[in-house]
Every structure is written in C-alpha cells, then in structure tokens.
Amino acid sequence: MSSQTTMWIAFAVVITVMFILDIGIFNRKSHEIRFREALTWTLVWVSLALLFNAGVYFYMGPTRALEFFTGYVIEESLSVDNLFVFLMIFSYFHVTKTHQPKILKWGIIGALAMRAVFILVGIELIERFHWMIYVFGGLLVVTGTKMAFGGEEKIEPEKNLLVRIVRKFVPITKRVRDDRFFIRKGGILAATPLFLTLLVVESSDVIFAVDSIPAVLAVTHDPFIVYTSNVFAIMGLRSLYYLLAHVMEMFVYLKLGVSFILAFVGAKMLLTDIYPIPIYFSLGVIVGVLAISILTSVAIGGRKEKKVHG
C-alpha cells in the first residue's frame, strides 16, 4: 500500500467519524451555538488539521506537508471573508441563530461535493492545457483587485437564478415552520424561507470555489493535498462562523489582507514559468499578511473604542 493510499484511508476515516460526531450527533438538532461551544469545535477542527498535517509529513515528506499547510491557511483565510457574506444572507432572510446551524450544515455537505468537482476539473484543465494556469492566475489577480477597491458587497437574493426558478415552480411560505425546508400546505408541497436561504448559501459557495480552488492550485496540483486541505478548512467553517460572528466588525482590514493574498497567489501562477516562487516564501507572505491585517484591525478598533468611551 502506497503512502498516499494510506493517507487517503486515514483522511476518509477521520472525516467520516468527525462528520458523524459533529453534524450527526452533537449538532443533530437545531440549537443556538454559543461562543464556548463554537470555540471548542474550532479548536477540535484546527487540531485535527494540524495532526493530519503531521501525518502528511511523516508519510509523504516535508514538501507535501508544507503544501498542505499552505493550502489550509489559504482556504481558511478566504473562508473567514466568506463568513461576512453568510452573515448578510442570514440577516436578509431574518434567519434566527437557532436555525442557522442547519443551513450551514447542509451548506457544508453541498460544498464538499462541489469542491471535489471543481478540483478535478481545475487540475484536469491545467494538466491538459498549460495556458489555463495563466487564466486562473489572471482571474485571482482581478478578483483580488476588485475585492480591495470594489466597495462593499451587496446581497441580492431575489436576483439569484436558483431562487427565481424555485419561486416560479414551488410555493413559498412566508413563515419558518420549525427548522424544515419543506412543508405540506393544503396538500401541496411548499418550500420555506430556510430553503431559499440554503440555495443562496450554496450559490455563494460556488462563487467562493471559483476563487479558492485556483488559489490552492497555485500551491500544488496534487488532488490529495488540494482536496484534503479544502475539506479540513470547510468542516471547521461552521464553528468558526459562530466564533467570529460577534467580532467580525473588528477585522476591518482583513478583507484587504485577503484581497492581497488572492492577488499574490494569482501573480505566483502567472510567474510560474518565469520565476517559480518557493512554497516556503509563499507561506511566509500569506501568514505575514494575515497577521498584519488582523493586528492592524485590532489596534485601530481598540483606538476607536477608546475614543468612543473616552
């Protein structure tokens, strides 16, 4: 049995067991996830990712381990920016904190399937058509630039194609009934606002994947590293959302940092045939930019609070 086969088996076992524990047992019923619970699960998922990274180092070598860690950090940093979008979606549909976990749970399940497809397609395109690496690189540079200078994101669910299709063919209830996506109303199957919210969340993840997958492909084309680093980041996304939900406004410069990271990894792809940027240098830039943007946000946020209360 090859080392990569061993790691695939280990990955499948860990994710399956944790998926059952996290989503199937501890969080099976809808409930408001409070700070302490969110912190616990966030630490669990980060610890598992680091332990798995150690396994990659032991079985596949330091290069693959560094690629995994860099991919994981990239995906986590992009995911944090996505949390702002989720917050706006929930606010638009007036989804309570009790019902949000179920939507995020099914959103994660959909994301795991979609990311697998995006990764396979992306790697296949780069392997068959080398020039696609420049397309992906250019896309990341443009996206990063737009994110930095494009102003605030707007959430317009009513213009979402999936929402418009569902509204056309399926009756929609005005109120949420327990935590159900569908109910029987006068003998007719009707969708609830929670289902529309889920559609918008899933649609948003498709857009996120267009950014995040090419960003990780700038690090490695190994499908094992790309997918596993994505999955570990995605599985911890729900708890991370609740951990940061009340303090997101503090990180005013995080978006700028994420936009720089997107542009940087895009430039890395564009320069791949001219001057390949070493993986350790890329990791240093990514971690450094994240640290600076977070520390700057906290420092400036603290000064503003002092002025308000002073």
Protein backbone atom coordinates (compact mmCIF):
# COMPACT_ATOMS: atom_id res chain seq x y z
CA MET A 1 0.00 0.00 0.00
CA SER A 2 1.44 3.39 -1.04
CA SER A 3 1.86 6.24 1.42
CA GLN A 4 -0.77 8.33 -0.37
CA THR A 5 -3.28 5.44 -0.27
CA THR A 6 -2.65 5.15 3.46
CA MET A 7 -3.31 8.86 3.90
CA TRP A 8 -6.47 8.71 1.76
CA ILE A 9 -7.80 5.95 4.04
CA ALA A 10 -6.82 7.89 7.18
CA PHE A 11 -8.48 11.02 5.78
CA ALA A 12 -11.71 9.14 4.94
CA VAL A 13 -11.88 7.57 8.39
CA VAL A 14 -11.18 10.84 10.27
CA ILE A 15 -13.64 12.92 8.26
CA THR A 16 -16.37 10.27 8.39
CA VAL A 17 -16.07 9.78 12.15
CA MET A 18 -15.90 13.52 12.86
CA PHE A 19 -18.73 14.25 10.45
CA ILE A 20 -20.96 11.79 12.32
CA LEU A 21 -19.93 13.18 15.72
CA ASP A 22 -20.13 16.88 14.82
CA ILE A 23 -23.12 17.04 12.49
CA GLY A 24 -24.87 13.72 13.12
CA ILE A 25 -24.79 13.53 16.94
CA PHE A 26 -23.72 16.67 18.83
CA ASN A 27 -25.34 19.10 16.39
CA ARG A 28 -28.12 16.93 15.01
CA LYS A 29 -30.88 19.11 16.46
CA SER A 30 -31.20 22.81 15.68
CA HIS A 31 -29.95 24.97 18.52
CA GLU A 32 -28.14 28.22 19.04
CA ILE A 33 -24.39 27.63 19.07
CA ARG A 34 -22.82 29.78 21.74
CA PHE A 35 -19.27 31.09 21.99
CA ARG A 36 -17.89 28.31 24.23
CA GLU A 37 -19.24 25.52 22.02
CA ALA A 38 -18.00 27.28 18.88
CA LEU A 39 -14.54 27.75 20.40
CA THR A 40 -14.38 24.06 21.38
CA TRP A 41 -15.28 22.80 17.90
CA THR A 42 -12.99 25.31 16.21
CA LEU A 43 -10.06 24.08 18.33
CA VAL A 44 -11.03 20.47 17.55
CA TRP A 45 -11.01 21.03 13.78
CA VAL A 46 -7.80 23.09 13.79
CA SER A 47 -6.09 20.45 15.95
CA LEU A 48 -7.24 17.66 13.64
CA ALA A 49 -5.94 19.57 10.62
CA LEU A 50 -2.54 20.02 12.27
CA LEU A 51 -2.40 16.34 13.31
CA PHE A 52 -3.28 15.30 9.77
CA ASN A 53 -0.58 17.67 8.53
CA ALA A 54 1.89 15.81 10.77
CA GLY A 55 0.71 12.55 9.18
CA VAL A 56 1.32 14.01 5.73
CA TYR A 57 4.83 14.99 6.84
CA PHE A 58 5.54 11.51 8.18
CA TYR A 59 4.13 9.52 5.24
CA MET A 60 4.59 11.89 2.29
CA GLY A 61 7.50 14.13 3.24
CA PRO A 62 8.12 17.78 4.22
CA THR A 63 7.29 19.23 0.79
CA ARG A 64 3.77 17.77 0.70
CA ALA A 65 3.27 18.75 4.35
CA LEU A 66 4.23 22.35 3.59
CA GLU A 67 1.87 22.36 0.60
CA PHE A 68 -0.98 21.04 2.75
CA PHE A 69 -0.41 23.64 5.45
CA THR A 70 -0.19 26.48 2.91
CA GLY A 71 -3.36 25.31 1.16
CA TYR A 72 -5.14 25.04 4.51
CA VAL A 73 -4.11 28.56 5.56
CA ILE A 74 -5.21 29.98 2.18
CA GLU A 75 -8.59 28.24 2.38
CA GLU A 76 -9.16 29.32 5.99
CA SER A 77 -8.30 32.95 5.22
CA LEU A 78 -10.69 33.00 2.26
CA SER A 79 -13.34 31.26 4.37
CA VAL A 80 -13.18 34.00 7.01
CA ASP A 81 -14.08 36.55 4.33
CA ASN A 82 -16.95 34.29 3.22
CA LEU A 83 -18.36 34.43 6.76
CA PHE A 84 -19.21 38.09 6.21
CA VAL A 85 -21.37 37.04 3.25
CA PHE A 86 -23.14 34.34 5.29
CA LEU A 87 -23.89 36.93 7.97
CA MET A 88 -25.51 39.21 5.38
CA ILE A 89 -27.53 36.33 3.89
CA PHE A 90 -28.92 35.31 7.29
CA SER A 91 -29.71 38.93 8.07
CA TYR A 92 -31.55 39.38 4.76
CA PHE A 93 -33.77 36.34 5.32
CA HIS A 94 -34.17 37.04 9.06
CA VAL A 95 -32.87 33.57 9.96
CA THR A 96 -32.59 33.12 13.72
CA LYS A 97 -29.44 31.83 15.42
CA THR A 98 -31.33 28.63 16.25
CA HIS A 99 -31.94 27.80 12.57
CA GLN A 100 -28.60 28.96 11.17
CA PRO A 101 -26.67 25.76 12.10
CA LYS A 102 -28.92 23.53 9.97
CA ILE A 103 -28.43 25.73 6.91
CA LEU A 104 -24.66 25.79 7.46
CA LYS A 105 -24.66 22.00 7.96
CA TRP A 106 -26.32 21.32 4.60
CA GLY A 107 -24.25 24.08 3.04
CA ILE A 108 -21.09 22.26 4.14
CA ILE A 109 -22.35 18.95 2.71
CA GLY A 110 -23.01 20.64 -0.64
CA ALA A 111 -19.64 22.39 -0.54
CA LEU A 112 -17.76 19.09 -0.03
CA ALA A 113 -19.32 17.65 -3.19
CA MET A 114 -18.89 20.81 -5.28
CA ARG A 115 -15.27 21.31 -4.25
CA ALA A 116 -14.41 17.76 -5.38
CA VAL A 117 -15.83 18.50 -8.83
CA PHE A 118 -14.13 21.91 -9.06
CA ILE A 119 -10.76 20.46 -8.02
CA LEU A 120 -10.88 17.58 -10.51
CA VAL A 121 -11.93 19.89 -13.34
CA GLY A 122 -9.33 22.52 -12.42
CA ILE A 123 -6.45 20.05 -12.24
CA GLU A 124 -7.54 18.35 -15.47
CA LEU A 125 -7.65 21.69 -17.29
CA ILE A 126 -4.17 22.67 -16.09
CA GLU A 127 -2.73 19.23 -16.95
CA ARG A 128 -4.24 19.24 -20.46
CA PHE A 129 -3.94 22.93 -21.26
CA HIS A 130 -0.96 24.54 -19.55
CA TRP A 131 -2.10 28.02 -20.58
CA MET A 132 -5.08 27.64 -18.22
CA ILE A 133 -2.72 28.37 -15.35
CA TYR A 134 -2.45 31.93 -16.71
CA VAL A 135 -6.24 32.17 -16.92
CA PHE A 136 -6.58 31.10 -13.28
CA GLY A 137 -3.76 33.42 -12.24
CA GLY A 138 -5.30 36.38 -14.05
CA LEU A 139 -8.69 35.58 -12.51
CA LEU A 140 -7.22 35.68 -9.00
CA VAL A 141 -5.41 38.98 -9.62
CA VAL A 142 -8.60 40.58 -10.98
CA THR A 143 -10.70 39.18 -8.11
CA GLY A 144 -8.21 40.38 -5.51
CA THR A 145 -8.12 43.86 -7.05
CA LYS A 146 -11.93 44.09 -7.20
CA MET A 147 -12.18 42.91 -3.61
CA ALA A 148 -9.76 45.60 -2.46
CA PHE A 149 -11.24 48.52 -4.42
CA GLY A 150 -14.75 47.39 -5.33
CA GLY A 151 -16.53 48.68 -2.23
CA GLU A 152 -18.96 46.78 -0.03
CA GLU A 153 -20.51 43.54 -1.25
CA LYS A 154 -24.25 43.59 -1.89
CA ILE A 155 -26.51 40.63 -1.25
CA GLU A 156 -29.44 40.49 -3.68
CA PRO A 157 -31.03 37.03 -3.24
CA GLU A 158 -34.08 37.96 -5.31
CA LYS A 159 -31.81 38.17 -8.37
CA ASN A 160 -30.35 34.71 -7.66
CA LEU A 161 -31.17 32.37 -10.57
CA LEU A 162 -31.92 29.36 -8.34
CA VAL A 163 -34.19 31.42 -6.09
CA ARG A 164 -36.08 32.76 -9.11
CA ILE A 165 -36.55 29.25 -10.53
CA VAL A 166 -37.81 27.85 -7.22
CA ARG A 167 -40.17 30.80 -6.72
CA LYS A 168 -41.58 30.18 -10.20
CA PHE A 169 -42.37 26.50 -9.74
CA VAL A 170 -42.65 25.93 -5.97
CA PRO A 171 -44.98 27.72 -3.49
CA ILE A 172 -43.06 29.56 -0.76
CA THR A 173 -44.36 30.00 2.78
CA LYS A 174 -43.99 33.38 4.44
CA ARG A 175 -43.01 31.96 7.79
CA VAL A 176 -40.46 29.42 9.02
CA ARG A 177 -42.03 26.20 10.34
CA ASP A 178 -39.73 24.68 12.96
CA ASP A 179 -36.47 24.07 11.06
CA ARG A 180 -37.96 22.40 7.99
CA PHE A 181 -37.05 23.22 4.39
CA PHE A 182 -40.38 21.91 3.03
CA ILE A 183 -43.87 21.52 4.47
CA ARG A 184 -47.28 20.30 3.28
CA LYS A 185 -49.69 23.21 2.87
CA GLY A 186 -53.21 22.30 1.76
CA GLY A 187 -51.92 19.04 0.35
CA ILE A 188 -49.27 20.88 -1.71
CA LEU A 189 -45.53 20.70 -1.04
CA ALA A 190 -44.22 24.18 -0.26
CA ALA A 191 -40.71 25.47 0.45
CA THR A 192 -39.91 27.60 3.48
CA PRO A 193 -37.64 30.68 3.61
CA LEU A 194 -34.96 28.41 5.12
CA PHE A 195 -34.74 26.52 1.82
CA LEU A 196 -34.32 29.77 -0.12
CA THR A 197 -31.57 30.76 2.32
CA LEU A 198 -29.83 27.42 1.71
CA LEU A 199 -29.97 27.98 -2.06
CA VAL A 200 -28.30 31.38 -1.70
CA VAL A 201 -25.63 29.95 0.62
CA GLU A 202 -24.88 27.11 -1.83
CA SER A 203 -24.80 29.55 -4.76
CA SER A 204 -22.38 31.74 -2.83
CA ASP A 205 -20.11 28.76 -2.22
CA VAL A 206 -19.87 28.16 -5.97
CA ILE A 207 -18.54 31.71 -6.32
CA PHE A 208 -16.16 31.15 -3.38
CA ALA A 209 -14.86 27.96 -5.01
CA VAL A 210 -14.00 29.87 -8.19
CA ASP A 211 -11.56 31.89 -6.06
CA SER A 212 -10.34 29.35 -3.51
CA ILE A 213 -9.65 26.35 -5.77
CA PRO A 214 -7.35 28.23 -8.20
CA ALA A 215 -5.66 29.81 -5.17
CA VAL A 216 -4.75 26.38 -3.75
CA LEU A 217 -3.80 25.14 -7.25
CA ALA A 218 -1.16 27.89 -7.21
CA VAL A 219 0.47 25.89 -4.39
CA THR A 220 0.16 22.34 -5.75
CA HIS A 221 -1.62 20.26 -8.43
CA ASP A 222 -1.78 17.18 -6.22
CA PRO A 223 -5.53 16.40 -5.89
CA PHE A 224 -4.97 14.77 -2.50
CA ILE A 225 -3.37 17.88 -0.99
CA VAL A 226 -5.82 20.29 -2.63
CA TYR A 227 -8.94 18.38 -1.57
CA THR A 228 -7.90 17.41 1.95
CA SER A 229 -6.74 20.94 2.83
CA ASN A 230 -10.06 22.28 1.49
CA VAL A 231 -12.15 19.77 3.42
CA PHE A 232 -10.46 20.41 6.77
CA ALA A 233 -10.99 24.15 6.31
CA ILE A 234 -14.63 23.74 5.25
CA MET A 235 -15.52 21.33 8.07
CA GLY A 236 -14.40 23.88 10.64
CA LEU A 237 -16.20 26.73 8.91
CA ARG A 238 -19.49 26.42 10.81
CA SER A 239 -17.94 26.65 14.28
CA LEU A 240 -15.62 29.42 13.06
CA TYR A 241 -18.67 31.39 11.92
CA TYR A 242 -20.16 31.37 15.42
CA LEU A 243 -16.80 32.07 17.00
CA LEU A 244 -16.33 35.23 14.93
CA ALA A 245 -19.95 36.27 14.39
CA HIS A 246 -19.91 38.83 17.21
CA VAL A 247 -16.46 40.27 16.48
CA MET A 248 -16.35 40.36 12.67
CA GLU A 249 -16.69 44.14 12.66
CA MET A 250 -13.34 44.35 14.47
CA PHE A 251 -11.44 42.93 11.49
CA VAL A 252 -11.88 45.91 9.20
CA TYR A 253 -8.60 45.30 7.36
CA LEU A 254 -8.95 41.53 7.00
CA LYS A 255 -10.75 41.89 3.67
CA LEU A 256 -7.84 43.96 2.36
CA GLY A 257 -5.41 41.28 3.53
CA VAL A 258 -7.41 38.51 1.82
CA SER A 259 -7.55 40.54 -1.39
CA PHE A 260 -3.74 40.88 -1.32
CA ILE A 261 -3.38 37.12 -0.79
CA LEU A 262 -5.61 36.41 -3.81
CA ALA A 263 -3.60 38.81 -5.96
CA PHE A 264 -0.32 37.35 -4.68
CA VAL A 265 -1.19 33.71 -5.44
CA GLY A 266 -2.52 34.87 -8.82
CA ALA A 267 0.82 36.53 -9.55
CA LYS A 268 2.54 33.33 -8.40
CA MET A 269 0.62 31.39 -11.06
CA LEU A 270 1.40 33.99 -13.76
CA LEU A 271 5.12 33.80 -12.93
CA THR A 272 5.28 30.00 -12.72
CA ASP A 273 7.23 29.60 -15.99
CA ILE A 274 9.41 32.66 -15.48
CA TYR A 275 10.31 32.61 -11.80
CA PRO A 276 8.69 29.89 -9.66
CA ILE A 277 8.09 31.36 -6.19
CA PRO A 278 9.21 28.88 -3.48
CA ILE A 279 6.45 27.40 -1.34
CA TYR A 280 8.07 28.48 1.95
CA PHE A 281 8.23 32.09 0.70
CA SER A 282 4.55 31.95 -0.32
CA LEU A 283 3.57 30.64 3.11
CA GLY A 284 5.58 33.39 4.81
CA VAL A 285 3.86 36.09 2.75
CA ILE A 286 0.37 34.66 3.37
CA VAL A 287 0.82 34.25 7.13
CA GLY A 288 2.53 37.64 7.39
CA VAL A 289 -0.25 39.46 5.52
CA LEU A 290 -2.94 37.80 7.64
CA ALA A 291 -1.11 38.68 10.85
CA ILE A 292 -0.60 42.32 9.83
CA SER A 293 -4.23 42.78 8.72
CA ILE A 294 -5.60 41.22 11.93
CA LEU A 295 -3.24 43.11 14.28
CA THR A 296 -3.87 46.39 12.46
CA SER A 297 -7.63 45.84 12.66
CA VAL A 298 -7.49 45.09 16.39
CA ALA A 299 -5.19 48.04 17.10
CA ILE A 300 -7.28 50.56 15.18
CA GLY A 301 -10.51 49.06 16.53
CA GLY A 302 -9.18 49.44 20.07
CA ARG A 303 -8.31 53.10 19.47
CA LYS A 304 -11.80 53.81 18.11
CA GLU A 305 -13.39 52.21 21.18
CA LYS A 306 -11.23 54.36 23.48
CA LYS A 307 -12.32 57.50 21.61
CA VAL A 308 -15.98 56.49 21.86
CA HIS A 309 -15.79 55.75 25.59
CA GLY A 310 -13.25 58.43 26.31
